[in-house]
Amino acid sequence: MPSTEEHKRKYDENRRLLDTNLNIECCDFYNWIVTVSFYAALHLVEAKLAESGIDSKDHFARSNNVERFSQFKNIRSQYKTLYDKSRIARYDGTFMNKKKGEFALKCLSEIESRLK
């Protein structure tokens, strides 16, 4: 099971990527902005779970943990939105646009402010 610190390092890595190479103001890789925003949020959630000795084995288990534990009550909507949008960005033929990228970053920002 990855530790809280390992998940925080993964979050930091994803966040740095969003702030530099995938900066919404200077690139148009919106699919990746949405995807990396989701994975940053995922590692914040997993860091919180790891503090309690819980490790989600997959996305399904993690989504159940977000629904189950009250500490995630205030981020459930944002987390589900990022999950859903990242699946579209990764697997569908649909391309994200700047507005959707900005919305993903807003969801991530709300998750950050509530979990950090």
PDB file of N, CA and C in Angstrom:
ATOM      1  N   MET A   1       0.842  -1.181   0.000  1.00  0.00           N
ATOM      2  CA  MET A   1       0.000   0.000   0.000  1.00  0.00           C
ATOM      3  C   MET A   1       0.889   1.246   0.000  1.00  0.00           C
ATOM      4  N   PRO A   2       0.686   2.154  -0.945  1.00  0.00           N
ATOM      5  CA  PRO A   2       1.458   3.398  -0.933  1.00  0.00           C
ATOM      6  C   PRO A   2       1.144   4.221   0.325  1.00  0.00           C
ATOM      7  N   SER A   3       2.129   4.919   0.797  1.00  0.00           N
ATOM      8  CA  SER A   3       1.967   5.732   2.005  1.00  0.00           C
ATOM      9  C   SER A   3       1.299   7.068   1.673  1.00  0.00           C
ATOM     10  N   THR A   4       0.902   7.762   2.720  1.00  0.00           N
ATOM     11  CA  THR A   4       0.345   9.105   2.563  1.00  0.00           C
ATOM     12  C   THR A   4       1.343   9.985   1.819  1.00  0.00           C
ATOM     13  N   GLU A   5       2.596   9.925   2.216  1.00  0.00           N
ATOM     14  CA  GLU A   5       3.632  10.756   1.587  1.00  0.00           C
ATOM     15  C   GLU A   5       3.831  10.411   0.114  1.00  0.00           C
ATOM     16  N   GLU A   6       3.765   9.135  -0.219  1.00  0.00           N
ATOM     17  CA  GLU A   6       3.907   8.745  -1.629  1.00  0.00           C
ATOM     18  C   GLU A   6       2.757   9.303  -2.470  1.00  0.00           C
ATOM     19  N   HIS A   7       1.554   9.254  -1.930  1.00  0.00           N
ATOM     20  CA  HIS A   7       0.414   9.833  -2.653  1.00  0.00           C
ATOM     21  C   HIS A   7       0.555  11.343  -2.764  1.00  0.00           C
ATOM     22  N   LYS A   8       1.050  11.986  -1.720  1.00  0.00           N
ATOM     23  CA  LYS A   8       1.248  13.435  -1.781  1.00  0.00           C
ATOM     24  C   LYS A   8       2.299  13.805  -2.822  1.00  0.00           C
ATOM     25  N   ARG A   9       3.338  12.987  -2.947  1.00  0.00           N
ATOM     26  CA  ARG A   9       4.355  13.239  -3.977  1.00  0.00           C
ATOM     27  C   ARG A   9       3.767  13.083  -5.373  1.00  0.00           C
ATOM     28  N   LYS A  10       2.909  12.092  -5.552  1.00  0.00           N
ATOM     29  CA  LYS A  10       2.238  11.914  -6.844  1.00  0.00           C
ATOM     30  C   LYS A  10       1.324  13.106  -7.146  1.00  0.00           C
ATOM     31  N   TYR A  11       0.588  13.554  -6.125  1.00  0.00           N
ATOM     32  CA  TYR A  11      -0.246  14.748  -6.288  1.00  0.00           C
ATOM     33  C   TYR A  11       0.623  15.928  -6.706  1.00  0.00           C
ATOM     34  N   ASP A  12       1.721  16.155  -5.984  1.00  0.00           N
ATOM     35  CA  ASP A  12       2.613  17.280  -6.296  1.00  0.00           C
ATOM     36  C   ASP A  12       3.138  17.212  -7.728  1.00  0.00           C
ATOM     37  N   GLU A  13       3.482  16.010  -8.163  1.00  0.00           N
ATOM     38  CA  GLU A  13       3.987  15.834  -9.531  1.00  0.00           C
ATOM     39  C   GLU A  13       2.913  16.208 -10.558  1.00  0.00           C
ATOM     40  N   ASN A  14       1.707  15.732 -10.330  1.00  0.00           N
ATOM     41  CA  ASN A  14       0.607  16.078 -11.236  1.00  0.00           C
ATOM     42  C   ASN A  14       0.312  17.568 -11.206  1.00  0.00           C
ATOM     43  N   ARG A  15       0.349  18.167 -10.027  1.00  0.00           N
ATOM     44  CA  ARG A  15       0.067  19.595  -9.884  1.00  0.00           C
ATOM     45  C   ARG A  15       1.127  20.427 -10.609  1.00  0.00           C
ATOM     46  N   ARG A  16       2.393  20.038 -10.459  1.00  0.00           N
ATOM     47  CA  ARG A  16       3.474  20.762 -11.148  1.00  0.00           C
ATOM     48  C   ARG A  16       3.300  20.681 -12.665  1.00  0.00           C
ATOM     49  N   LEU A  17       2.891  19.518 -13.154  1.00  0.00           N
ATOM     50  CA  LEU A  17       2.655  19.355 -14.586  1.00  0.00           C
ATOM     51  C   LEU A  17       1.547  20.298 -15.059  1.00  0.00           C
ATOM     52  N   LEU A  18       0.479  20.413 -14.280  1.00  0.00           N
ATOM     53  CA  LEU A  18      -0.614  21.325 -14.628  1.00  0.00           C
ATOM     54  C   LEU A  18      -0.161  22.779 -14.588  1.00  0.00           C
ATOM     55  N   ASP A  19       0.714  23.114 -13.667  1.00  0.00           N
ATOM     56  CA  ASP A  19       1.154  24.496 -13.501  1.00  0.00           C
ATOM     57  C   ASP A  19       2.225  24.906 -14.505  1.00  0.00           C
ATOM     58  N   THR A  20       2.877  23.931 -15.140  1.00  0.00           N
ATOM     59  CA  THR A  20       3.965  24.256 -16.058  1.00  0.00           C
ATOM     60  C   THR A  20       3.602  23.840 -17.479  1.00  0.00           C
ATOM     61  N   ASN A  21       3.857  22.617 -17.830  1.00  0.00           N
ATOM     62  CA  ASN A  21       3.688  22.151 -19.209  1.00  0.00           C
ATOM     63  C   ASN A  21       2.239  22.141 -19.677  1.00  0.00           C
ATOM     64  N   LEU A  22       1.286  21.961 -18.780  1.00  0.00           N
ATOM     65  CA  LEU A  22      -0.121  21.911 -19.157  1.00  0.00           C
ATOM     66  C   LEU A  22      -0.889  23.132 -18.663  1.00  0.00           C
ATOM     67  N   ASN A  23      -0.205  24.234 -18.507  1.00  0.00           N
ATOM     68  CA  ASN A  23      -0.849  25.460 -18.042  1.00  0.00           C
ATOM     69  C   ASN A  23      -1.970  25.843 -19.006  1.00  0.00           C
ATOM     70  N   ILE A  24      -3.152  26.065 -18.475  1.00  0.00           N
ATOM     71  CA  ILE A  24      -4.351  26.334 -19.275  1.00  0.00           C
ATOM     72  C   ILE A  24      -4.179  27.555 -20.166  1.00  0.00           C
ATOM     73  N   GLU A  25      -3.324  28.489 -19.769  1.00  0.00           N
ATOM     74  CA  GLU A  25      -3.148  29.723 -20.530  1.00  0.00           C
ATOM     75  C   GLU A  25      -2.178  29.594 -21.695  1.00  0.00           C
ATOM     76  N   CYS A  26      -1.382  28.543 -21.713  1.00  0.00           N
ATOM     77  CA  CYS A  26      -0.352  28.489 -22.761  1.00  0.00           C
ATOM     78  C   CYS A  26      -0.293  27.160 -23.505  1.00  0.00           C
ATOM     79  N   CYS A  27      -1.279  26.330 -23.342  1.00  0.00           N
ATOM     80  CA  CYS A  27      -1.290  25.100 -24.133  1.00  0.00           C
ATOM     81  C   CYS A  27      -2.725  24.724 -24.459  1.00  0.00           C
ATOM     82  N   ASP A  28      -2.886  23.865 -25.439  1.00  0.00           N
ATOM     83  CA  ASP A  28      -4.244  23.460 -25.803  1.00  0.00           C
ATOM     84  C   ASP A  28      -4.448  21.944 -25.695  1.00  0.00           C
ATOM     85  N   PHE A  29      -3.730  21.319 -24.776  1.00  0.00           N
ATOM     86  CA  PHE A  29      -3.893  19.888 -24.528  1.00  0.00           C
ATOM     87  C   PHE A  29      -4.951  19.673 -23.444  1.00  0.00           C
ATOM     88  N   TYR A  30      -6.164  20.082 -23.758  1.00  0.00           N
ATOM     89  CA  TYR A  30      -7.232  20.087 -22.762  1.00  0.00           C
ATOM     90  C   TYR A  30      -7.599  18.686 -22.278  1.00  0.00           C
ATOM     91  N   ASN A  31      -7.500  17.685 -23.157  1.00  0.00           N
ATOM     92  CA  ASN A  31      -7.752  16.313 -22.708  1.00  0.00           C
ATOM     93  C   ASN A  31      -6.801  15.948 -21.573  1.00  0.00           C
ATOM     94  N   TRP A  32      -5.549  16.345 -21.712  1.00  0.00           N
ATOM     95  CA  TRP A  32      -4.558  16.019 -20.685  1.00  0.00           C
ATOM     96  C   TRP A  32      -4.749  16.868 -19.435  1.00  0.00           C
ATOM     97  N   ILE A  33      -5.184  18.100 -19.589  1.00  0.00           N
ATOM     98  CA  ILE A  33      -5.462  18.939 -18.414  1.00  0.00           C
ATOM     99  C   ILE A  33      -6.556  18.281 -17.573  1.00  0.00           C
ATOM    100  N   VAL A  34      -7.615  17.808 -18.220  1.00  0.00           N
ATOM    101  CA  VAL A  34      -8.710  17.138 -17.509  1.00  0.00           C
ATOM    102  C   VAL A  34      -8.213  15.848 -16.857  1.00  0.00           C
ATOM    103  N   THR A  35      -7.449  15.070 -17.597  1.00  0.00           N
ATOM    104  CA  THR A  35      -6.959  13.782 -17.095  1.00  0.00           C
ATOM    105  C   THR A  35      -6.011  13.960 -15.919  1.00  0.00           C
ATOM    106  N   VAL A  36      -5.057  14.867 -16.051  1.00  0.00           N
ATOM    107  CA  VAL A  36      -4.088  15.074 -14.977  1.00  0.00           C
ATOM    108  C   VAL A  36      -4.767  15.703 -13.761  1.00  0.00           C
ATOM    109  N   SER A  37      -5.765  16.540 -13.974  1.00  0.00           N
ATOM    110  CA  SER A  37      -6.534  17.098 -12.843  1.00  0.00           C
ATOM    111  C   SER A  37      -7.190  15.975 -12.050  1.00  0.00           C
ATOM    112  N   PHE A  38      -7.766  15.015 -12.772  1.00  0.00           N
ATOM    113  CA  PHE A  38      -8.381  13.881 -12.082  1.00  0.00           C
ATOM    114  C   PHE A  38      -7.340  13.102 -11.278  1.00  0.00           C
ATOM    115  N   TYR A  39      -6.191  12.813 -11.876  1.00  0.00           N
ATOM    116  CA  TYR A  39      -5.195  12.014 -11.163  1.00  0.00           C
ATOM    117  C   TYR A  39      -4.590  12.775  -9.981  1.00  0.00           C
ATOM    118  N   ALA A  40      -4.508  14.086 -10.074  1.00  0.00           N
ATOM    119  CA  ALA A  40      -4.076  14.868  -8.913  1.00  0.00           C
ATOM    120  C   ALA A  40      -5.095  14.696  -7.783  1.00  0.00           C
ATOM    121  N   ALA A  41      -6.378  14.808  -8.115  1.00  0.00           N
ATOM    122  CA  ALA A  41      -7.438  14.636  -7.120  1.00  0.00           C
ATOM    123  C   ALA A  41      -7.419  13.226  -6.541  1.00  0.00           C
ATOM    124  N   LEU A  42      -7.221  12.242  -7.399  1.00  0.00           N
ATOM    125  CA  LEU A  42      -7.159  10.847  -6.960  1.00  0.00           C
ATOM    126  C   LEU A  42      -6.101  10.674  -5.869  1.00  0.00           C
ATOM    127  N   HIS A  43      -4.933  11.259  -6.071  1.00  0.00           N
ATOM    128  CA  HIS A  43      -3.865  11.073  -5.085  1.00  0.00           C
ATOM    129  C   HIS A  43      -4.117  11.866  -3.804  1.00  0.00           C
ATOM    130  N   LEU A  44      -4.844  12.965  -3.883  1.00  0.00           N
ATOM    131  CA  LEU A  44      -5.250  13.640  -2.642  1.00  0.00           C
ATOM    132  C   LEU A  44      -6.217  12.764  -1.853  1.00  0.00           C
ATOM    133  N   VAL A  45      -7.155  12.151  -2.542  1.00  0.00           N
ATOM    134  CA  VAL A  45      -8.105  11.236  -1.883  1.00  0.00           C
ATOM    135  C   VAL A  45      -7.356  10.055  -1.279  1.00  0.00           C
ATOM    136  N   GLU A  46      -6.473   9.445  -2.058  1.00  0.00           N
ATOM    137  CA  GLU A  46      -5.729   8.282  -1.555  1.00  0.00           C
ATOM    138  C   GLU A  46      -4.814   8.650  -0.392  1.00  0.00           C
ATOM    139  N   ALA A  47      -4.256   9.858  -0.399  1.00  0.00           N
ATOM    140  CA  ALA A  47      -3.425  10.295   0.731  1.00  0.00           C
ATOM    141  C   ALA A  47      -4.258  10.345   2.002  1.00  0.00           C
ATOM    142  N   LYS A  48      -5.477  10.878   1.897  1.00  0.00           N
ATOM    143  CA  LYS A  48      -6.369  10.931   3.065  1.00  0.00           C
ATOM    144  C   LYS A  48      -6.761   9.523   3.527  1.00  0.00           C
ATOM    145  N   LEU A  49      -7.047   8.651   2.585  1.00  0.00           N
ATOM    146  CA  LEU A  49      -7.397   7.280   2.948  1.00  0.00           C
ATOM    147  C   LEU A  49      -6.215   6.566   3.600  1.00  0.00           C
ATOM    148  N   ALA A  50      -5.021   6.784   3.072  1.00  0.00           N
ATOM    149  CA  ALA A  50      -3.824   6.128   3.610  1.00  0.00           C
ATOM    150  C   ALA A  50      -3.574   6.527   5.060  1.00  0.00           C
ATOM    151  N   GLU A  51      -3.971   7.743   5.436  1.00  0.00           N
ATOM    152  CA  GLU A  51      -3.825   8.175   6.839  1.00  0.00           C
ATOM    153  C   GLU A  51      -4.591   7.249   7.780  1.00  0.00           C
ATOM    154  N   SER A  52      -5.644   6.625   7.267  1.00  0.00           N
ATOM    155  CA  SER A  52      -6.463   5.695   8.058  1.00  0.00           C
ATOM    156  C   SER A  52      -6.152   4.242   7.738  1.00  0.00           C
ATOM    157  N   GLY A  53      -5.084   4.020   6.967  1.00  0.00           N
ATOM    158  CA  GLY A  53      -4.693   2.654   6.633  1.00  0.00           C
ATOM    159  C   GLY A  53      -5.546   2.010   5.557  1.00  0.00           C
ATOM    160  N   ILE A  54      -6.216   2.826   4.762  1.00  0.00           N
ATOM    161  CA  ILE A  54      -7.088   2.311   3.702  1.00  0.00           C
ATOM    162  C   ILE A  54      -6.416   2.532   2.355  1.00  0.00           C
ATOM    163  N   ASP A  55      -6.485   1.502   1.514  1.00  0.00           N
ATOM    164  CA  ASP A  55      -5.928   1.568   0.164  1.00  0.00           C
ATOM    165  C   ASP A  55      -6.999   1.117  -0.810  1.00  0.00           C
ATOM    166  N   SER A  56      -7.375   1.983  -1.739  1.00  0.00           N
ATOM    167  CA  SER A  56      -8.346   1.604  -2.766  1.00  0.00           C
ATOM    168  C   SER A  56      -7.616   0.816  -3.842  1.00  0.00           C
ATOM    169  N   LYS A  57      -8.150  -0.332  -4.176  1.00  0.00           N
ATOM    170  CA  LYS A  57      -7.492  -1.211  -5.154  1.00  0.00           C
ATOM    171  C   LYS A  57      -7.726  -0.770  -6.595  1.00  0.00           C
ATOM    172  N   ASP A  58      -8.821  -0.020  -6.828  1.00  0.00           N
ATOM    173  CA  ASP A  58      -9.142   0.405  -8.191  1.00  0.00           C
ATOM    174  C   ASP A  58     -10.096   1.601  -8.127  1.00  0.00           C
ATOM    175  N   HIS A  59     -10.481   2.101  -9.301  1.00  0.00           N
ATOM    176  CA  HIS A  59     -11.371   3.263  -9.351  1.00  0.00           C
ATOM    177  C   HIS A  59     -12.719   2.976  -8.696  1.00  0.00           C
ATOM    178  N   PHE A  60     -13.241   1.776  -8.887  1.00  0.00           N
ATOM    179  CA  PHE A  60     -14.532   1.421  -8.294  1.00  0.00           C
ATOM    180  C   PHE A  60     -14.464   1.488  -6.766  1.00  0.00           C
ATOM    181  N   ALA A  61     -13.428   0.878  -6.195  1.00  0.00           N
ATOM    182  CA  ALA A  61     -13.265   0.894  -4.733  1.00  0.00           C
ATOM    183  C   ALA A  61     -13.066   2.318  -4.229  1.00  0.00           C
ATOM    184  N   ARG A  62     -12.288   3.103  -4.958  1.00  0.00           N
ATOM    185  CA  ARG A  62     -12.034   4.486  -4.548  1.00  0.00           C
ATOM    186  C   ARG A  62     -13.331   5.293  -4.571  1.00  0.00           C
ATOM    187  N   SER A  63     -14.116   5.139  -5.632  1.00  0.00           N
ATOM    188  CA  SER A  63     -15.398   5.853  -5.707  1.00  0.00           C
ATOM    189  C   SER A  63     -16.308   5.456  -4.552  1.00  0.00           C
ATOM    190  N   ASN A  64     -16.322   4.186  -4.213  1.00  0.00           N
ATOM    191  CA  ASN A  64     -17.106   3.730  -3.057  1.00  0.00           C
ATOM    192  C   ASN A  64     -16.595   4.357  -1.767  1.00  0.00           C
ATOM    193  N   ASN A  65     -15.277   4.459  -1.616  1.00  0.00           N
ATOM    194  CA  ASN A  65     -14.706   5.080  -0.415  1.00  0.00           C
ATOM    195  C   ASN A  65     -15.063   6.557  -0.333  1.00  0.00           C
ATOM    196  N   VAL A  66     -15.055   7.239  -1.464  1.00  0.00           N
ATOM    197  CA  VAL A  66     -15.438   8.654  -1.464  1.00  0.00           C
ATOM    198  C   VAL A  66     -16.898   8.799  -1.043  1.00  0.00           C
ATOM    199  N   GLU A  67     -17.748   7.904  -1.501  1.00  0.00           N
ATOM    200  CA  GLU A  67     -19.158   7.941  -1.122  1.00  0.00           C
ATOM    201  C   GLU A  67     -19.383   7.528   0.333  1.00  0.00           C
ATOM    202  N   ARG A  68     -18.575   6.617   0.807  1.00  0.00           N
ATOM    203  CA  ARG A  68     -18.777   5.995   2.117  1.00  0.00           C
ATOM    204  C   ARG A  68     -18.305   6.850   3.290  1.00  0.00           C
ATOM    205  N   PHE A  69     -17.167   7.519   3.134  1.00  0.00           N
ATOM    206  CA  PHE A  69     -16.561   8.228   4.261  1.00  0.00           C
ATOM    207  C   PHE A  69     -16.970   9.697   4.283  1.00  0.00           C
ATOM    208  N   SER A  70     -17.383  10.149   5.446  1.00  0.00           N
ATOM    209  CA  SER A  70     -17.897  11.513   5.586  1.00  0.00           C
ATOM    210  C   SER A  70     -16.838  12.582   5.315  1.00  0.00           C
ATOM    211  N   GLN A  71     -15.565  12.248   5.464  1.00  0.00           N
ATOM    212  CA  GLN A  71     -14.517  13.243   5.216  1.00  0.00           C
ATOM    213  C   GLN A  71     -14.497  13.714   3.758  1.00  0.00           C
ATOM    214  N   PHE A  72     -15.171  12.963   2.870  1.00  0.00           N
ATOM    215  CA  PHE A  72     -15.210  13.315   1.456  1.00  0.00           C
ATOM    216  C   PHE A  72     -16.560  13.910   1.034  1.00  0.00           C
ATOM    217  N   LYS A  73     -17.424  14.152   2.002  1.00  0.00           N
ATOM    218  CA  LYS A  73     -18.771  14.643   1.712  1.00  0.00           C
ATOM    219  C   LYS A  73     -18.743  15.907   0.846  1.00  0.00           C
ATOM    220  N   ASN A  74     -17.815  16.802   1.130  1.00  0.00           N
ATOM    221  CA  ASN A  74     -17.772  18.087   0.436  1.00  0.00           C
ATOM    222  C   ASN A  74     -17.062  18.060  -0.913  1.00  0.00           C
ATOM    223  N   ILE A  75     -16.551  16.897  -1.329  1.00  0.00           N
ATOM    224  CA  ILE A  75     -15.863  16.824  -2.624  1.00  0.00           C
ATOM    225  C   ILE A  75     -16.470  15.778  -3.559  1.00  0.00           C
ATOM    226  N   ARG A  76     -17.490  15.111  -3.115  1.00  0.00           N
ATOM    227  CA  ARG A  76     -18.041  14.002  -3.900  1.00  0.00           C
ATOM    228  C   ARG A  76     -18.416  14.427  -5.321  1.00  0.00           C
ATOM    229  N   SER A  77     -19.113  15.510  -5.434  1.00  0.00           N
ATOM    230  CA  SER A  77     -19.568  15.979  -6.743  1.00  0.00           C
ATOM    231  C   SER A  77     -18.379  16.325  -7.644  1.00  0.00           C
ATOM    232  N   GLN A  78     -17.405  17.046  -7.108  1.00  0.00           N
ATOM    233  CA  GLN A  78     -16.242  17.442  -7.891  1.00  0.00           C
ATOM    234  C   GLN A  78     -15.412  16.226  -8.305  1.00  0.00           C
ATOM    235  N   TYR A  79     -15.260  15.274  -7.381  1.00  0.00           N
ATOM    236  CA  TYR A  79     -14.472  14.084  -7.692  1.00  0.00           C
ATOM    237  C   TYR A  79     -15.154  13.269  -8.797  1.00  0.00           C
ATOM    238  N   LYS A  80     -16.463  13.069  -8.684  1.00  0.00           N
ATOM    239  CA  LYS A  80     -17.189  12.307  -9.701  1.00  0.00           C
ATOM    240  C   LYS A  80     -17.127  13.014 -11.050  1.00  0.00           C
ATOM    241  N   THR A  81     -17.248  14.317 -11.044  1.00  0.00           N
ATOM    242  CA  THR A  81     -17.155  15.076 -12.293  1.00  0.00           C
ATOM    243  C   THR A  81     -15.795  14.873 -12.941  1.00  0.00           C
ATOM    244  N   LEU A  82     -14.732  14.985 -12.159  1.00  0.00           N
ATOM    245  CA  LEU A  82     -13.388  14.782 -12.717  1.00  0.00           C
ATOM    246  C   LEU A  82     -13.213  13.363 -13.233  1.00  0.00           C
ATOM    247  N   TYR A  83     -13.709  12.402 -12.502  1.00  0.00           N
ATOM    248  CA  TYR A  83     -13.612  11.005 -12.943  1.00  0.00           C
ATOM    249  C   TYR A  83     -14.327  10.822 -14.284  1.00  0.00           C
ATOM    250  N   ASP A  84     -15.561  11.299 -14.347  1.00  0.00           N
ATOM    251  CA  ASP A  84     -16.360  11.136 -15.567  1.00  0.00           C
ATOM    252  C   ASP A  84     -15.724  11.860 -16.751  1.00  0.00           C
ATOM    253  N   LYS A  85     -15.311  13.097 -16.550  1.00  0.00           N
ATOM    254  CA  LYS A  85     -14.713  13.867 -17.638  1.00  0.00           C
ATOM    255  C   LYS A  85     -13.374  13.270 -18.077  1.00  0.00           C
ATOM    256  N   SER A  86     -12.614  12.734 -17.143  1.00  0.00           N
ATOM    257  CA  SER A  86     -11.317  12.154 -17.516  1.00  0.00           C
ATOM    258  C   SER A  86     -11.526  10.880 -18.339  1.00  0.00           C
ATOM    259  N   ARG A  87     -12.559  10.126 -18.042  1.00  0.00           N
ATOM    260  CA  ARG A  87     -12.855   8.928 -18.855  1.00  0.00           C
ATOM    261  C   ARG A  87     -13.219   9.336 -20.283  1.00  0.00           C
ATOM    262  N   ILE A  88     -13.997  10.382 -20.402  1.00  0.00           N
ATOM    263  CA  ILE A  88     -14.335  10.884 -21.737  1.00  0.00           C
ATOM    264  C   ILE A  88     -13.068  11.342 -22.456  1.00  0.00           C
ATOM    265  N   ALA A  89     -12.240  12.095 -21.743  1.00  0.00           N
ATOM    266  CA  ALA A  89     -11.002  12.610 -22.344  1.00  0.00           C
ATOM    267  C   ALA A  89     -10.064  11.489 -22.768  1.00  0.00           C
ATOM    268  N   ARG A  90     -10.042  10.411 -21.988  1.00  0.00           N
ATOM    269  CA  ARG A  90      -9.112   9.315 -22.277  1.00  0.00           C
ATOM    270  C   ARG A  90      -9.631   8.333 -23.313  1.00  0.00           C
ATOM    271  N   TYR A  91     -10.920   8.060 -23.311  1.00  0.00           N
ATOM    272  CA  TYR A  91     -11.413   6.925 -24.086  1.00  0.00           C
ATOM    273  C   TYR A  91     -12.356   7.264 -25.233  1.00  0.00           C
ATOM    274  N   ASP A  92     -13.042   8.386 -25.168  1.00  0.00           N
ATOM    275  CA  ASP A  92     -13.983   8.732 -26.224  1.00  0.00           C
ATOM    276  C   ASP A  92     -13.275   9.524 -27.319  1.00  0.00           C
ATOM    277  N   GLY A  93     -13.933   9.649 -28.436  1.00  0.00           N
ATOM    278  CA  GLY A  93     -13.399  10.447 -29.524  1.00  0.00           C
ATOM    279  C   GLY A  93     -13.622  11.936 -29.311  1.00  0.00           C
ATOM    280  N   THR A  94     -14.300  12.268 -28.221  1.00  0.00           N
ATOM    281  CA  THR A  94     -14.595  13.657 -27.896  1.00  0.00           C
ATOM    282  C   THR A  94     -13.340  14.358 -27.395  1.00  0.00           C
ATOM    283  N   PHE A  95     -13.149  15.588 -27.852  1.00  0.00           N
ATOM    284  CA  PHE A  95     -12.023  16.380 -27.367  1.00  0.00           C
ATOM    285  C   PHE A  95     -12.528  17.422 -26.383  1.00  0.00           C
ATOM    286  N   MET A  96     -11.775  17.613 -25.330  1.00  0.00           N
ATOM    287  CA  MET A  96     -12.083  18.646 -24.363  1.00  0.00           C
ATOM    288  C   MET A  96     -11.689  20.004 -24.968  1.00  0.00           C
ATOM    289  N   ASN A  97     -12.310  21.059 -24.463  1.00  0.00           N
ATOM    290  CA  ASN A  97     -11.963  22.409 -24.898  1.00  0.00           C
ATOM    291  C   ASN A  97     -11.490  23.212 -23.686  1.00  0.00           C
ATOM    292  N   LYS A  98     -11.139  24.466 -23.913  1.00  0.00           N
ATOM    293  CA  LYS A  98     -10.607  25.293 -22.826  1.00  0.00           C
ATOM    294  C   LYS A  98     -11.613  25.434 -21.683  1.00  0.00           C
ATOM    295  N   LYS A  99     -12.877  25.602 -22.001  1.00  0.00           N
ATOM    296  CA  LYS A  99     -13.905  25.744 -20.963  1.00  0.00           C
ATOM    297  C   LYS A  99     -13.963  24.504 -20.071  1.00  0.00           C
ATOM    298  N   LYS A 100     -13.888  23.317 -20.684  1.00  0.00           N
ATOM    299  CA  LYS A 100     -13.912  22.074 -19.903  1.00  0.00           C
ATOM    300  C   LYS A 100     -12.623  21.905 -19.110  1.00  0.00           C
ATOM    301  N   GLY A 101     -11.501  22.341 -19.678  1.00  0.00           N
ATOM    302  CA  GLY A 101     -10.240  22.306 -18.942  1.00  0.00           C
ATOM    303  C   GLY A 101     -10.288  23.216 -17.724  1.00  0.00           C
ATOM    304  N   GLU A 102     -10.836  24.407 -17.909  1.00  0.00           N
ATOM    305  CA  GLU A 102     -10.967  25.347 -16.788  1.00  0.00           C
ATOM    306  C   GLU A 102     -11.893  24.786 -15.716  1.00  0.00           C
ATOM    307  N   PHE A 103     -12.965  24.127 -16.135  1.00  0.00           N
ATOM    308  CA  PHE A 103     -13.886  23.536 -15.164  1.00  0.00           C
ATOM    309  C   PHE A 103     -13.206  22.422 -14.374  1.00  0.00           C
ATOM    310  N   ALA A 104     -12.402  21.602 -15.051  1.00  0.00           N
ATOM    311  CA  ALA A 104     -11.665  20.536 -14.361  1.00  0.00           C
ATOM    312  C   ALA A 104     -10.711  21.143 -13.334  1.00  0.00           C
ATOM    313  N   LEU A 105     -10.026  22.205 -13.701  1.00  0.00           N
ATOM    314  CA  LEU A 105      -9.114  22.857 -12.754  1.00  0.00           C
ATOM    315  C   LEU A 105      -9.873  23.458 -11.574  1.00  0.00           C
ATOM    316  N   LYS A 106     -11.076  23.966 -11.826  1.00  0.00           N
ATOM    317  CA  LYS A 106     -11.905  24.494 -10.739  1.00  0.00           C
ATOM    318  C   LYS A 106     -12.300  23.372  -9.777  1.00  0.00           C
ATOM    319  N   CYS A 107     -12.708  22.227 -10.336  1.00  0.00           N
ATOM    320  CA  CYS A 107     -13.049  21.073  -9.487  1.00  0.00           C
ATOM    321  C   CYS A 107     -11.848  20.655  -8.645  1.00  0.00           C
ATOM    322  N   LEU A 108     -10.677  20.579  -9.274  1.00  0.00           N
ATOM    323  CA  LEU A 108      -9.465  20.211  -8.543  1.00  0.00           C
ATOM    324  C   LEU A 108      -9.168  21.222  -7.449  1.00  0.00           C
ATOM    325  N   SER A 109      -9.298  22.490  -7.757  1.00  0.00           N
ATOM    326  CA  SER A 109      -9.043  23.535  -6.752  1.00  0.00           C
ATOM    327  C   SER A 109      -9.962  23.395  -5.549  1.00  0.00           C
ATOM    328  N   GLU A 110     -11.218  23.080  -5.782  1.00  0.00           N
ATOM    329  CA  GLU A 110     -12.157  22.884  -4.667  1.00  0.00           C
ATOM    330  C   GLU A 110     -11.772  21.664  -3.844  1.00  0.00           C
ATOM    331  N   ILE A 111     -11.362  20.605  -4.506  1.00  0.00           N
ATOM    332  CA  ILE A 111     -10.914  19.403  -3.783  1.00  0.00           C
ATOM    333  C   ILE A 111      -9.667  19.720  -2.969  1.00  0.00           C
ATOM    334  N   GLU A 112      -8.741  20.443  -3.572  1.00  0.00           N
ATOM    335  CA  GLU A 112      -7.518  20.826  -2.856  1.00  0.00           C
ATOM    336  C   GLU A 112      -7.832  21.637  -1.610  1.00  0.00           C
ATOM    337  N   SER A 113      -8.710  22.612  -1.742  1.00  0.00           N
ATOM    338  CA  SER A 113      -8.998  23.464  -0.591  1.00  0.00           C
ATOM    339  C   SER A 113      -9.699  22.720   0.533  1.00  0.00           C
ATOM    340  N   ARG A 114     -10.397  21.654   0.204  1.00  0.00           N
ATOM    341  CA  ARG A 114     -11.143  20.907   1.220  1.00  0.00           C
ATOM    342  C   ARG A 114     -10.362  19.736   1.812  1.00  0.00           C
ATOM    343  N   LEU A 115      -9.353  19.250   1.086  1.00  0.00           N
ATOM    344  CA  LEU A 115      -8.612  18.083   1.584  1.00  0.00           C
ATOM    345  C   LEU A 115      -7.208  18.398   2.067  1.00  0.00           C
ATOM    346  N   LYS A 116      -6.674  19.514   1.716  1.00  0.00           N
ATOM    347  CA  LYS A 116      -5.296  19.810   2.113  1.00  0.00           C
ATOM    348  C   LYS A 116      -5.224  20.375   3.508  1.00  0.00           C
TER     349      LYS A 116
END
